[in-house]
Amino acid sequence: MVEPIKSFRNYLALSVVLLVASCSSGYHLVKTNRAEYNVNKELTVDSSIIKTYLPYKAQLDAEMNKVIGHSAAQMSKKAAILYLKACLAISFLMQFWNRHLNTTRILILHCHQQKEVYV
């Protein structure tokens, strides 16, 4: 009975030693170099960076400029984003009302040039 306990202690001690030895790093910090680069209008443009990302930008612009829907009113990109944010905020508000207030409310939305009534 004593022999298995000694064996277990030996394995446990060996495991602890190996764990401690494996967690310690053989590396230590010798020197650090720190530099700050102010990014402002005085910084010159690096054409090599622009040449690197230009093909990706062209591909992304081609994908983002596809027409995915039509509206009765003409919208610019900025106006469309603001409009969609407003509609999304109203839909979140409606979800909140329906889930947490348990009351019937009527809200008339002017989305897509139509009046939609939510009850």
PDB file of N, CA and C in Angstrom:
ATOM      1  N   MET A   1       0.816  -1.193   0.000  1.00  0.00           N
ATOM      2  CA  MET A   1       0.000   0.000   0.000  1.00  0.00           C
ATOM      3  C   MET A   1       0.855   1.250   0.000  1.00  0.00           C
ATOM      4  N   VAL A   2       1.984   1.199   0.678  1.00  0.00           N
ATOM      5  CA  VAL A   2       2.874   2.339   0.750  1.00  0.00           C
ATOM      6  C   VAL A   2       3.580   2.550  -0.588  1.00  0.00           C
ATOM      7  N   GLU A   3       3.856   1.490  -1.292  1.00  0.00           N
ATOM      8  CA  GLU A   3       4.578   1.563  -2.574  1.00  0.00           C
ATOM      9  C   GLU A   3       3.801   2.363  -3.632  1.00  0.00           C
ATOM     10  N   PRO A   4       2.485   2.144  -3.829  1.00  0.00           N
ATOM     11  CA  PRO A   4       1.757   2.954  -4.816  1.00  0.00           C
ATOM     12  C   PRO A   4       1.724   4.433  -4.452  1.00  0.00           C
ATOM     13  N   ILE A   5       1.670   4.764  -3.169  1.00  0.00           N
ATOM     14  CA  ILE A   5       1.643   6.170  -2.755  1.00  0.00           C
ATOM     15  C   ILE A   5       2.984   6.825  -3.064  1.00  0.00           C
ATOM     16  N   LYS A   6       4.085   6.113  -2.807  1.00  0.00           N
ATOM     17  CA  LYS A   6       5.416   6.657  -3.127  1.00  0.00           C
ATOM     18  C   LYS A   6       5.551   6.837  -4.633  1.00  0.00           C
ATOM     19  N   SER A   7       5.053   5.871  -5.372  1.00  0.00           N
ATOM     20  CA  SER A   7       5.107   5.964  -6.834  1.00  0.00           C
ATOM     21  C   SER A   7       4.303   7.172  -7.320  1.00  0.00           C
ATOM     22  N   PHE A   8       3.122   7.359  -6.749  1.00  0.00           N
ATOM     23  CA  PHE A   8       2.292   8.494  -7.121  1.00  0.00           C
ATOM     24  C   PHE A   8       2.969   9.810  -6.761  1.00  0.00           C
ATOM     25  N   ARG A   9       3.580   9.879  -5.596  1.00  0.00           N
ATOM     26  CA  ARG A   9       4.300  11.091  -5.182  1.00  0.00           C
ATOM     27  C   ARG A   9       5.449  11.390  -6.133  1.00  0.00           C
ATOM     28  N   ASN A  10       6.165  10.356  -6.530  1.00  0.00           N
ATOM     29  CA  ASN A  10       7.277  10.559  -7.468  1.00  0.00           C
ATOM     30  C   ASN A  10       6.773  11.106  -8.796  1.00  0.00           C
ATOM     31  N   TYR A  11       5.687  10.537  -9.319  1.00  0.00           N
ATOM     32  CA  TYR A  11       5.119  11.032 -10.576  1.00  0.00           C
ATOM     33  C   TYR A  11       4.601  12.465 -10.422  1.00  0.00           C
ATOM     34  N   LEU A  12       3.976  12.731  -9.291  1.00  0.00           N
ATOM     35  CA  LEU A  12       3.473  14.069  -9.038  1.00  0.00           C
ATOM     36  C   LEU A  12       4.617  15.073  -8.938  1.00  0.00           C
ATOM     37  N   ALA A  13       5.671  14.723  -8.221  1.00  0.00           N
ATOM     38  CA  ALA A  13       6.825  15.611  -8.096  1.00  0.00           C
ATOM     39  C   ALA A  13       7.482  15.832  -9.449  1.00  0.00           C
ATOM     40  N   LEU A  14       7.621  14.769 -10.226  1.00  0.00           N
ATOM     41  CA  LEU A  14       8.204  14.893 -11.566  1.00  0.00           C
ATOM     42  C   LEU A  14       7.319  15.778 -12.450  1.00  0.00           C
ATOM     43  N   SER A  15       6.009  15.618 -12.361  1.00  0.00           N
ATOM     44  CA  SER A  15       5.086  16.435 -13.153  1.00  0.00           C
ATOM     45  C   SER A  15       5.195  17.907 -12.781  1.00  0.00           C
ATOM     46  N   VAL A  16       5.290  18.210 -11.499  1.00  0.00           N
ATOM     47  CA  VAL A  16       5.404  19.595 -11.041  1.00  0.00           C
ATOM     48  C   VAL A  16       6.707  20.205 -11.535  1.00  0.00           C
ATOM     49  N   VAL A  17       7.802  19.445 -11.435  1.00  0.00           N
ATOM     50  CA  VAL A  17       9.102  19.951 -11.900  1.00  0.00           C
ATOM     51  C   VAL A  17       9.067  20.211 -13.389  1.00  0.00           C
ATOM     52  N   LEU A  18       8.511  19.282 -14.151  1.00  0.00           N
ATOM     53  CA  LEU A  18       8.420  19.473 -15.601  1.00  0.00           C
ATOM     54  C   LEU A  18       7.512  20.647 -15.959  1.00  0.00           C
ATOM     55  N   LEU A  19       6.433  20.804 -15.226  1.00  0.00           N
ATOM     56  CA  LEU A  19       5.519  21.921 -15.485  1.00  0.00           C
ATOM     57  C   LEU A  19       6.197  23.254 -15.229  1.00  0.00           C
ATOM     58  N   VAL A  20       6.901  23.358 -14.120  1.00  0.00           N
ATOM     59  CA  VAL A  20       7.598  24.601 -13.785  1.00  0.00           C
ATOM     60  C   VAL A  20       8.701  24.876 -14.794  1.00  0.00           C
ATOM     61  N   ALA A  21       9.429  23.833 -15.185  1.00  0.00           N
ATOM     62  CA  ALA A  21      10.519  24.014 -16.145  1.00  0.00           C
ATOM     63  C   ALA A  21       9.994  24.387 -17.519  1.00  0.00           C
ATOM     64  N   SER A  22       8.843  23.844 -17.915  1.00  0.00           N
ATOM     65  CA  SER A  22       8.317  24.144 -19.245  1.00  0.00           C
ATOM     66  C   SER A  22       7.685  25.527 -19.310  1.00  0.00           C
ATOM     67  N   CYS A  23       7.208  26.034 -18.197  1.00  0.00           N
ATOM     68  CA  CYS A  23       6.577  27.352 -18.190  1.00  0.00           C
ATOM     69  C   CYS A  23       7.590  28.484 -18.163  1.00  0.00           C
ATOM     70  N   SER A  24       8.781  28.213 -17.702  1.00  0.00           N
ATOM     71  CA  SER A  24       9.774  29.285 -17.672  1.00  0.00           C
ATOM     72  C   SER A  24      10.402  29.429 -19.047  1.00  0.00           C
ATOM     73  N   SER A  25      10.623  30.633 -19.445  1.00  0.00           N
ATOM     74  CA  SER A  25      11.185  30.924 -20.757  1.00  0.00           C
ATOM     75  C   SER A  25      12.693  31.088 -20.640  1.00  0.00           C
ATOM     76  N   GLY A  26      13.402  30.594 -21.640  1.00  0.00           N
ATOM     77  CA  GLY A  26      14.843  30.762 -21.666  1.00  0.00           C
ATOM     78  C   GLY A  26      15.247  32.115 -22.230  1.00  0.00           C
ATOM     79  N   TYR A  27      14.262  32.902 -22.645  1.00  0.00           N
ATOM     80  CA  TYR A  27      14.534  34.195 -23.248  1.00  0.00           C
ATOM     81  C   TYR A  27      14.378  35.296 -22.217  1.00  0.00           C
ATOM     82  N   HIS A  28      15.157  36.340 -22.370  1.00  0.00           N
ATOM     83  CA  HIS A  28      14.990  37.515 -21.530  1.00  0.00           C
ATOM     84  C   HIS A  28      15.244  38.754 -22.385  1.00  0.00           C
ATOM     85  N   LEU A  29      14.612  39.842 -22.009  1.00  0.00           N
ATOM     86  CA  LEU A  29      14.681  41.084 -22.757  1.00  0.00           C
ATOM     87  C   LEU A  29      16.055  41.726 -22.577  1.00  0.00           C
ATOM     88  N   VAL A  30      16.700  42.015 -23.699  1.00  0.00           N
ATOM     89  CA  VAL A  30      18.026  42.614 -23.650  1.00  0.00           C
ATOM     90  C   VAL A  30      17.948  44.109 -23.907  1.00  0.00           C
ATOM     91  N   LYS A  31      17.175  44.501 -24.939  1.00  0.00           N
ATOM     92  CA  LYS A  31      17.141  45.899 -25.340  1.00  0.00           C
ATOM     93  C   LYS A  31      15.801  46.195 -26.000  1.00  0.00           C
ATOM     94  N   THR A  32      15.297  47.391 -25.808  1.00  0.00           N
ATOM     95  CA  THR A  32      14.071  47.805 -26.483  1.00  0.00           C
ATOM     96  C   THR A  32      14.332  49.080 -27.261  1.00  0.00           C
ATOM     97  N   ASN A  33      13.679  49.168 -28.384  1.00  0.00           N
ATOM     98  CA  ASN A  33      13.743  50.382 -29.200  1.00  0.00           C
ATOM     99  C   ASN A  33      12.331  50.914 -29.327  1.00  0.00           C
ATOM    100  N   ARG A  34      12.123  52.132 -28.940  1.00  0.00           N
ATOM    101  CA  ARG A  34      10.805  52.739 -29.003  1.00  0.00           C
ATOM    102  C   ARG A  34      10.906  54.003 -29.828  1.00  0.00           C
ATOM    103  N   ALA A  35       9.962  54.146 -30.745  1.00  0.00           N
ATOM    104  CA  ALA A  35       9.929  55.346 -31.570  1.00  0.00           C
ATOM    105  C   ALA A  35       8.474  55.750 -31.792  1.00  0.00           C
ATOM    106  N   GLU A  36       8.234  57.028 -31.850  1.00  0.00           N
ATOM    107  CA  GLU A  36       6.904  57.551 -32.128  1.00  0.00           C
ATOM    108  C   GLU A  36       6.917  58.208 -33.501  1.00  0.00           C
ATOM    109  N   TYR A  37       5.867  57.948 -34.235  1.00  0.00           N
ATOM    110  CA  TYR A  37       5.719  58.560 -35.549  1.00  0.00           C
ATOM    111  C   TYR A  37       4.426  59.358 -35.536  1.00  0.00           C
ATOM    112  N   ASN A  38       4.535  60.655 -35.670  1.00  0.00           N
ATOM    113  CA  ASN A  38       3.351  61.505 -35.720  1.00  0.00           C
ATOM    114  C   ASN A  38       2.734  61.413 -37.105  1.00  0.00           C
ATOM    115  N   VAL A  39       1.481  61.053 -37.136  1.00  0.00           N
ATOM    116  CA  VAL A  39       0.760  60.966 -38.402  1.00  0.00           C
ATOM    117  C   VAL A  39      -0.106  62.207 -38.508  1.00  0.00           C
ATOM    118  N   ASN A  40       0.283  63.084 -39.408  1.00  0.00           N
ATOM    119  CA  ASN A  40      -0.458  64.318 -39.621  1.00  0.00           C
ATOM    120  C   ASN A  40      -0.299  64.742 -41.075  1.00  0.00           C
ATOM    121  N   LYS A  41      -0.737  65.912 -41.401  1.00  0.00           N
ATOM    122  CA  LYS A  41      -0.704  66.379 -42.793  1.00  0.00           C
ATOM    123  C   LYS A  41       0.714  66.671 -43.272  1.00  0.00           C
ATOM    124  N   GLU A  42       1.631  66.849 -42.362  1.00  0.00           N
ATOM    125  CA  GLU A  42       3.013  67.131 -42.749  1.00  0.00           C
ATOM    126  C   GLU A  42       3.750  65.875 -43.223  1.00  0.00           C
ATOM    127  N   LEU A  43       3.207  64.716 -42.949  1.00  0.00           N
ATOM    128  CA  LEU A  43       3.826  63.455 -43.341  1.00  0.00           C
ATOM    129  C   LEU A  43       3.712  63.283 -44.852  1.00  0.00           C
ATOM    130  N   THR A  44       4.805  62.931 -45.515  1.00  0.00           N
ATOM    131  CA  THR A  44       4.786  62.773 -46.963  1.00  0.00           C
ATOM    132  C   THR A  44       4.127  61.451 -47.332  1.00  0.00           C
ATOM    133  N   VAL A  45       3.559  61.405 -48.513  1.00  0.00           N
ATOM    134  CA  VAL A  45       2.871  60.220 -49.006  1.00  0.00           C
ATOM    135  C   VAL A  45       3.899  59.226 -49.529  1.00  0.00           C
ATOM    136  N   ASP A  46       3.761  57.981 -49.101  1.00  0.00           N
ATOM    137  CA  ASP A  46       4.653  56.916 -49.561  1.00  0.00           C
ATOM    138  C   ASP A  46       3.979  56.193 -50.720  1.00  0.00           C
ATOM    139  N   SER A  47       4.482  56.394 -51.927  1.00  0.00           N
ATOM    140  CA  SER A  47       3.844  55.830 -53.111  1.00  0.00           C
ATOM    141  C   SER A  47       3.926  54.308 -53.147  1.00  0.00           C
ATOM    142  N   SER A  48       4.919  53.714 -52.524  1.00  0.00           N
ATOM    143  CA  SER A  48       5.011  52.248 -52.533  1.00  0.00           C
ATOM    144  C   SER A  48       3.857  51.622 -51.746  1.00  0.00           C
ATOM    145  N   ILE A  49       3.439  52.283 -50.679  1.00  0.00           N
ATOM    146  CA  ILE A  49       2.297  51.772 -49.912  1.00  0.00           C
ATOM    147  C   ILE A  49       1.026  51.896 -50.733  1.00  0.00           C
ATOM    148  N   ILE A  50       0.859  53.015 -51.408  1.00  0.00           N
ATOM    149  CA  ILE A  50      -0.328  53.217 -52.236  1.00  0.00           C
ATOM    150  C   ILE A  50      -0.374  52.194 -53.359  1.00  0.00           C
ATOM    151  N   LYS A  51       0.760  51.925 -53.995  1.00  0.00           N
ATOM    152  CA  LYS A  51       0.810  50.930 -55.068  1.00  0.00           C
ATOM    153  C   LYS A  51       0.481  49.533 -54.546  1.00  0.00           C
ATOM    154  N   THR A  52       0.791  49.286 -53.295  1.00  0.00           N
ATOM    155  CA  THR A  52       0.524  47.965 -52.728  1.00  0.00           C
ATOM    156  C   THR A  52      -0.966  47.735 -52.517  1.00  0.00           C
ATOM    157  N   TYR A  53      -1.668  48.726 -51.966  1.00  0.00           N
ATOM    158  CA  TYR A  53      -3.082  48.481 -51.658  1.00  0.00           C
ATOM    159  C   TYR A  53      -4.044  48.937 -52.752  1.00  0.00           C
ATOM    160  N   LEU A  54      -3.566  49.593 -53.805  1.00  0.00           N
ATOM    161  CA  LEU A  54      -4.441  50.093 -54.858  1.00  0.00           C
ATOM    162  C   LEU A  54      -5.261  48.993 -55.545  1.00  0.00           C
ATOM    163  N   PRO A  55      -4.686  47.836 -55.903  1.00  0.00           N
ATOM    164  CA  PRO A  55      -5.520  46.796 -56.521  1.00  0.00           C
ATOM    165  C   PRO A  55      -6.634  46.306 -55.592  1.00  0.00           C
ATOM    166  N   TYR A  56      -6.351  46.185 -54.314  1.00  0.00           N
ATOM    167  CA  TYR A  56      -7.372  45.749 -53.362  1.00  0.00           C
ATOM    168  C   TYR A  56      -8.455  46.805 -53.214  1.00  0.00           C
ATOM    169  N   LYS A  57      -8.046  48.077 -53.234  1.00  0.00           N
ATOM    170  CA  LYS A  57      -9.014  49.166 -53.127  1.00  0.00           C
ATOM    171  C   LYS A  57      -9.924  49.198 -54.348  1.00  0.00           C
ATOM    172  N   ALA A  58      -9.352  48.976 -55.522  1.00  0.00           N
ATOM    173  CA  ALA A  58     -10.158  48.965 -56.744  1.00  0.00           C
ATOM    174  C   ALA A  58     -11.180  47.830 -56.714  1.00  0.00           C
ATOM    175  N   GLN A  59     -10.750  46.662 -56.252  1.00  0.00           N
ATOM    176  CA  GLN A  59     -11.658  45.520 -56.169  1.00  0.00           C
ATOM    177  C   GLN A  59     -12.770  45.781 -55.148  1.00  0.00           C
ATOM    178  N   LEU A  60     -12.408  46.347 -54.007  1.00  0.00           N
ATOM    179  CA  LEU A  60     -13.400  46.647 -52.977  1.00  0.00           C
ATOM    180  C   LEU A  60     -14.378  47.711 -53.451  1.00  0.00           C
ATOM    181  N   ASP A  61     -13.885  48.748 -54.114  1.00  0.00           N
ATOM    182  CA  ASP A  61     -14.764  49.793 -54.639  1.00  0.00           C
ATOM    183  C   ASP A  61     -15.732  49.231 -55.675  1.00  0.00           C
ATOM    184  N   ALA A  62     -15.243  48.303 -56.523  1.00  0.00           N
ATOM    185  CA  ALA A  62     -16.120  47.695 -57.526  1.00  0.00           C
ATOM    186  C   ALA A  62     -17.240  46.903 -56.857  1.00  0.00           C
ATOM    187  N   GLU A  63     -16.909  46.193 -55.784  1.00  0.00           N
ATOM    188  CA  GLU A  63     -17.931  45.420 -55.075  1.00  0.00           C
ATOM    189  C   GLU A  63     -18.892  46.326 -54.316  1.00  0.00           C
ATOM    190  N   MET A  64     -18.377  47.390 -53.717  1.00  0.00           N
ATOM    191  CA  MET A  64     -19.221  48.248 -52.899  1.00  0.00           C
ATOM    192  C   MET A  64     -20.078  49.197 -53.727  1.00  0.00           C
ATOM    193  N   ASN A  65     -19.747  49.414 -54.973  1.00  0.00           N
ATOM    194  CA  ASN A  65     -20.513  50.341 -55.816  1.00  0.00           C
ATOM    195  C   ASN A  65     -21.571  49.635 -56.650  1.00  0.00           C
ATOM    196  N   LYS A  66     -21.797  48.354 -56.441  1.00  0.00           N
ATOM    197  CA  LYS A  66     -22.856  47.637 -57.154  1.00  0.00           C
ATOM    198  C   LYS A  66     -24.211  48.111 -56.636  1.00  0.00           C
ATOM    199  N   VAL A  67     -25.160  48.205 -57.548  1.00  0.00           N
ATOM    200  CA  VAL A  67     -26.517  48.574 -57.179  1.00  0.00           C
ATOM    201  C   VAL A  67     -27.196  47.316 -56.640  1.00  0.00           C
ATOM    202  N   ILE A  68     -27.684  47.388 -55.419  1.00  0.00           N
ATOM    203  CA  ILE A  68     -28.332  46.221 -54.825  1.00  0.00           C
ATOM    204  C   ILE A  68     -29.816  46.451 -54.584  1.00  0.00           C
ATOM    205  N   GLY A  69     -30.301  47.637 -54.865  1.00  0.00           N
ATOM    206  CA  GLY A  69     -31.715  47.927 -54.674  1.00  0.00           C
ATOM    207  C   GLY A  69     -32.078  49.249 -55.309  1.00  0.00           C
ATOM    208  N   HIS A  70     -33.367  49.525 -55.363  1.00  0.00           N
ATOM    209  CA  HIS A  70     -33.858  50.759 -55.969  1.00  0.00           C
ATOM    210  C   HIS A  70     -34.788  51.452 -54.989  1.00  0.00           C
ATOM    211  N   SER A  71     -34.821  52.763 -55.072  1.00  0.00           N
ATOM    212  CA  SER A  71     -35.662  53.567 -54.200  1.00  0.00           C
ATOM    213  C   SER A  71     -36.381  54.608 -55.036  1.00  0.00           C
ATOM    214  N   ALA A  72     -37.522  55.027 -54.524  1.00  0.00           N
ATOM    215  CA  ALA A  72     -38.281  56.050 -55.244  1.00  0.00           C
ATOM    216  C   ALA A  72     -37.560  57.392 -55.211  1.00  0.00           C
ATOM    217  N   ALA A  73     -36.792  57.619 -54.170  1.00  0.00           N
ATOM    218  CA  ALA A  73     -36.042  58.868 -54.042  1.00  0.00           C
ATOM    219  C   ALA A  73     -34.560  58.579 -54.252  1.00  0.00           C
ATOM    220  N   GLN A  74     -33.868  59.528 -54.856  1.00  0.00           N
ATOM    221  CA  GLN A  74     -32.442  59.347 -55.074  1.00  0.00           C
ATOM    222  C   GLN A  74     -31.692  59.594 -53.764  1.00  0.00           C
ATOM    223  N   MET A  75     -30.768  58.683 -53.454  1.00  0.00           N
ATOM    224  CA  MET A  75     -30.010  58.805 -52.214  1.00  0.00           C
ATOM    225  C   MET A  75     -28.524  58.695 -52.514  1.00  0.00           C
ATOM    226  N   SER A  76     -27.765  59.513 -51.837  1.00  0.00           N
ATOM    227  CA  SER A  76     -26.311  59.365 -51.913  1.00  0.00           C
ATOM    228  C   SER A  76     -25.910  58.281 -50.920  1.00  0.00           C
ATOM    229  N   LYS A  77     -24.640  57.879 -50.958  1.00  0.00           N
ATOM    230  CA  LYS A  77     -24.176  56.838 -50.036  1.00  0.00           C
ATOM    231  C   LYS A  77     -24.347  57.274 -48.594  1.00  0.00           C
ATOM    232  N   LYS A  78     -23.971  58.510 -48.301  1.00  0.00           N
ATOM    233  CA  LYS A  78     -24.049  58.999 -46.921  1.00  0.00           C
ATOM    234  C   LYS A  78     -25.499  59.077 -46.459  1.00  0.00           C
ATOM    235  N   ALA A  79     -26.389  59.580 -47.319  1.00  0.00           N
ATOM    236  CA  ALA A  79     -27.801  59.684 -46.954  1.00  0.00           C
ATOM    237  C   ALA A  79     -28.412  58.299 -46.775  1.00  0.00           C
ATOM    238  N   ALA A  80     -28.022  57.348 -47.606  1.00  0.00           N
ATOM    239  CA  ALA A  80     -28.555  55.994 -47.490  1.00  0.00           C
ATOM    240  C   ALA A  80     -28.122  55.353 -46.175  1.00  0.00           C
ATOM    241  N   ILE A  81     -26.884  55.571 -45.790  1.00  0.00           N
ATOM    242  CA  ILE A  81     -26.398  54.995 -44.535  1.00  0.00           C
ATOM    243  C   ILE A  81     -27.145  55.591 -43.352  1.00  0.00           C
ATOM    244  N   LEU A  82     -27.349  56.906 -43.356  1.00  0.00           N
ATOM    245  CA  LEU A  82     -28.092  57.552 -42.270  1.00  0.00           C
ATOM    246  C   LEU A  82     -29.531  57.059 -42.222  1.00  0.00           C
ATOM    247  N   TYR A  83     -30.127  56.895 -43.390  1.00  0.00           N
ATOM    248  CA  TYR A  83     -31.502  56.420 -43.497  1.00  0.00           C
ATOM    249  C   TYR A  83     -31.618  54.996 -42.950  1.00  0.00           C
ATOM    250  N   LEU A  84     -30.693  54.134 -43.333  1.00  0.00           N
ATOM    251  CA  LEU A  84     -30.726  52.751 -42.856  1.00  0.00           C
ATOM    252  C   LEU A  84     -30.484  52.674 -41.356  1.00  0.00           C
ATOM    253  N   LYS A  85     -29.606  53.529 -40.833  1.00  0.00           N
ATOM    254  CA  LYS A  85     -29.372  53.555 -39.386  1.00  0.00           C
ATOM    255  C   LYS A  85     -30.641  53.955 -38.645  1.00  0.00           C
ATOM    256  N   ALA A  86     -31.357  54.931 -39.190  1.00  0.00           N
ATOM    257  CA  ALA A  86     -32.594  55.371 -38.553  1.00  0.00           C
ATOM    258  C   ALA A  86     -33.629  54.261 -38.561  1.00  0.00           C
ATOM    259  N   CYS A  87     -33.779  53.572 -39.697  1.00  0.00           N
ATOM    260  CA  CYS A  87     -34.744  52.467 -39.777  1.00  0.00           C
ATOM    261  C   CYS A  87     -34.354  51.337 -38.833  1.00  0.00           C
ATOM    262  N   LEU A  88     -33.072  51.051 -38.726  1.00  0.00           N
ATOM    263  CA  LEU A  88     -32.603  50.005 -37.829  1.00  0.00           C
ATOM    264  C   LEU A  88     -32.861  50.375 -36.372  1.00  0.00           C
ATOM    265  N   ALA A  89     -32.618  51.629 -36.026  1.00  0.00           N
ATOM    266  CA  ALA A  89     -32.873  52.086 -34.657  1.00  0.00           C
ATOM    267  C   ALA A  89     -34.354  51.979 -34.323  1.00  0.00           C
ATOM    268  N   ILE A  90     -35.210  52.328 -35.266  1.00  0.00           N
ATOM    269  CA  ILE A  90     -36.652  52.235 -35.025  1.00  0.00           C
ATOM    270  C   ILE A  90     -37.070  50.779 -34.874  1.00  0.00           C
ATOM    271  N   SER A  91     -36.510  49.880 -35.671  1.00  0.00           N
ATOM    272  CA  SER A  91     -36.878  48.474 -35.539  1.00  0.00           C
ATOM    273  C   SER A  91     -36.405  47.915 -34.202  1.00  0.00           C
ATOM    274  N   PHE A  92     -35.223  48.325 -33.719  1.00  0.00           N
ATOM    275  CA  PHE A  92     -34.766  47.894 -32.403  1.00  0.00           C
ATOM    276  C   PHE A  92     -35.700  48.428 -31.316  1.00  0.00           C
ATOM    277  N   LEU A  93     -36.135  49.659 -31.468  1.00  0.00           N
ATOM    278  CA  LEU A  93     -37.049  50.247 -30.502  1.00  0.00           C
ATOM    279  C   LEU A  93     -38.372  49.490 -30.478  1.00  0.00           C
ATOM    280  N   MET A  94     -38.859  49.106 -31.643  1.00  0.00           N
ATOM    281  CA  MET A  94     -40.098  48.339 -31.710  1.00  0.00           C
ATOM    282  C   MET A  94     -39.934  46.975 -31.045  1.00  0.00           C
ATOM    283  N   GLN A  95     -38.799  46.330 -31.268  1.00  0.00           N
ATOM    284  CA  GLN A  95     -38.534  45.047 -30.617  1.00  0.00           C
ATOM    285  C   GLN A  95     -38.528  45.214 -29.097  1.00  0.00           C
ATOM    286  N   PHE A  96     -37.909  46.276 -28.622  1.00  0.00           N
ATOM    287  CA  PHE A  96     -37.870  46.540 -27.183  1.00  0.00           C
ATOM    288  C   PHE A  96     -39.278  46.730 -26.635  1.00  0.00           C
ATOM    289  N   TRP A  97     -40.074  47.539 -27.338  1.00  0.00           N
ATOM    290  CA  TRP A  97     -41.445  47.769 -26.879  1.00  0.00           C
ATOM    291  C   TRP A  97     -42.223  46.463 -26.819  1.00  0.00           C
ATOM    292  N   ASN A  98     -42.104  45.657 -27.869  1.00  0.00           N
ATOM    293  CA  ASN A  98     -42.868  44.423 -27.924  1.00  0.00           C
ATOM    294  C   ASN A  98     -42.433  43.430 -26.854  1.00  0.00           C
ATOM    295  N   ARG A  99     -41.170  43.376 -26.542  1.00  0.00           N
ATOM    296  CA  ARG A  99     -40.671  42.382 -25.587  1.00  0.00           C
ATOM    297  C   ARG A  99     -40.777  42.826 -24.142  1.00  0.00           C
ATOM    298  N   HIS A 100     -40.509  44.092 -23.862  1.00  0.00           N
ATOM    299  CA  HIS A 100     -40.346  44.514 -22.475  1.00  0.00           C
ATOM    300  C   HIS A 100     -41.499  45.332 -21.918  1.00  0.00           C
ATOM    301  N   LEU A 101     -42.213  46.027 -22.744  1.00  0.00           N
ATOM    302  CA  LEU A 101     -43.272  46.875 -22.213  1.00  0.00           C
ATOM    303  C   LEU A 101     -44.639  46.209 -22.268  1.00  0.00           C
ATOM    304  N   ASN A 102     -44.796  45.199 -23.133  1.00  0.00           N
ATOM    305  CA  ASN A 102     -46.037  44.432 -23.255  1.00  0.00           C
ATOM    306  C   ASN A 102     -47.254  45.334 -23.432  1.00  0.00           C
ATOM    307  N   THR A 103     -47.093  46.368 -24.203  1.00  0.00           N
ATOM    308  CA  THR A 103     -48.223  47.252 -24.491  1.00  0.00           C
ATOM    309  C   THR A 103     -48.345  47.390 -25.992  1.00  0.00           C
ATOM    310  N   THR A 104     -49.517  47.739 -26.440  1.00  0.00           N
ATOM    311  CA  THR A 104     -49.746  47.934 -27.866  1.00  0.00           C
ATOM    312  C   THR A 104     -49.503  49.391 -28.190  1.00  0.00           C
ATOM    313  N   ARG A 105     -48.631  49.628 -29.115  1.00  0.00           N
ATOM    314  CA  ARG A 105     -48.325  50.992 -29.530  1.00  0.00           C
ATOM    315  C   ARG A 105     -48.426  51.059 -31.050  1.00  0.00           C
ATOM    316  N   ILE A 106     -48.795  52.200 -31.563  1.00  0.00           N
ATOM    317  CA  ILE A 106     -48.883  52.395 -33.004  1.00  0.00           C
ATOM    318  C   ILE A 106     -47.802  53.387 -33.386  1.00  0.00           C
ATOM    319  N   LEU A 107     -47.006  53.010 -34.359  1.00  0.00           N
ATOM    320  CA  LEU A 107     -45.935  53.871 -34.827  1.00  0.00           C
ATOM    321  C   LEU A 107     -45.980  53.880 -36.345  1.00  0.00           C
ATOM    322  N   ILE A 108     -46.039  55.044 -36.920  1.00  0.00           N
ATOM    323  CA  ILE A 108     -46.068  55.169 -38.375  1.00  0.00           C
ATOM    324  C   ILE A 108     -44.667  55.520 -38.836  1.00  0.00           C
ATOM    325  N   LEU A 109     -44.115  54.676 -39.687  1.00  0.00           N
ATOM    326  CA  LEU A 109     -42.782  54.891 -40.229  1.00  0.00           C
ATOM    327  C   LEU A 109     -42.877  55.297 -41.685  1.00  0.00           C
ATOM    328  N   HIS A 110     -42.015  56.182 -42.087  1.00  0.00           N
ATOM    329  CA  HIS A 110     -41.942  56.581 -43.483  1.00  0.00           C
ATOM    330  C   HIS A 110     -40.708  55.932 -44.092  1.00  0.00           C
ATOM    331  N   CYS A 111     -40.712  54.634 -44.212  1.00  0.00           N
ATOM    332  CA  CYS A 111     -39.601  53.904 -44.816  1.00  0.00           C
ATOM    333  C   CYS A 111     -39.984  53.536 -46.237  1.00  0.00           C
ATOM    334  N   HIS A 112     -39.069  53.718 -47.125  1.00  0.00           N
ATOM    335  CA  HIS A 112     -39.230  53.384 -48.547  1.00  0.00           C
ATOM    336  C   HIS A 112     -40.437  54.093 -49.156  1.00  0.00           C
ATOM    337  N   GLN A 113     -40.672  55.312 -48.741  1.00  0.00           N
ATOM    338  CA  GLN A 113     -41.735  56.165 -49.261  1.00  0.00           C
ATOM    339  C   GLN A 113     -43.126  55.555 -49.056  1.00  0.00           C
ATOM    340  N   GLN A 114     -43.276  54.651 -48.107  1.00  0.00           N
ATOM    341  CA  GLN A 114     -44.569  54.060 -47.796  1.00  0.00           C
ATOM    342  C   GLN A 114     -44.811  54.227 -46.308  1.00  0.00           C
ATOM    343  N   LYS A 115     -46.079  54.254 -45.930  1.00  0.00           N
ATOM    344  CA  LYS A 115     -46.402  54.332 -44.515  1.00  0.00           C
ATOM    345  C   LYS A 115     -46.674  52.911 -44.029  1.00  0.00           C
ATOM    346  N   GLU A 116     -45.887  52.484 -43.070  1.00  0.00           N
ATOM    347  CA  GLU A 116     -46.063  51.166 -42.502  1.00  0.00           C
ATOM    348  C   GLU A 116     -46.527  51.332 -41.065  1.00  0.00           C
ATOM    349  N   VAL A 117     -47.591  50.652 -40.711  1.00  0.00           N
ATOM    350  CA  VAL A 117     -48.149  50.781 -39.377  1.00  0.00           C
ATOM    351  C   VAL A 117     -47.844  49.521 -38.616  1.00  0.00           C
ATOM    352  N   TYR A 118     -47.182  49.694 -37.465  1.00  0.00           N
ATOM    353  CA  TYR A 118     -46.880  48.568 -36.581  1.00  0.00           C
ATOM    354  C   TYR A 118     -47.778  48.653 -35.363  1.00  0.00           C
ATOM    355  N   VAL A 119     -48.448  47.589 -35.072  1.00  0.00           N
ATOM    356  CA  VAL A 119     -49.349  47.570 -33.923  1.00  0.00           C
ATOM    357  C   VAL A 119     -48.851  46.536 -32.940  1.00  0.00           C
TER     358      VAL A 119
END
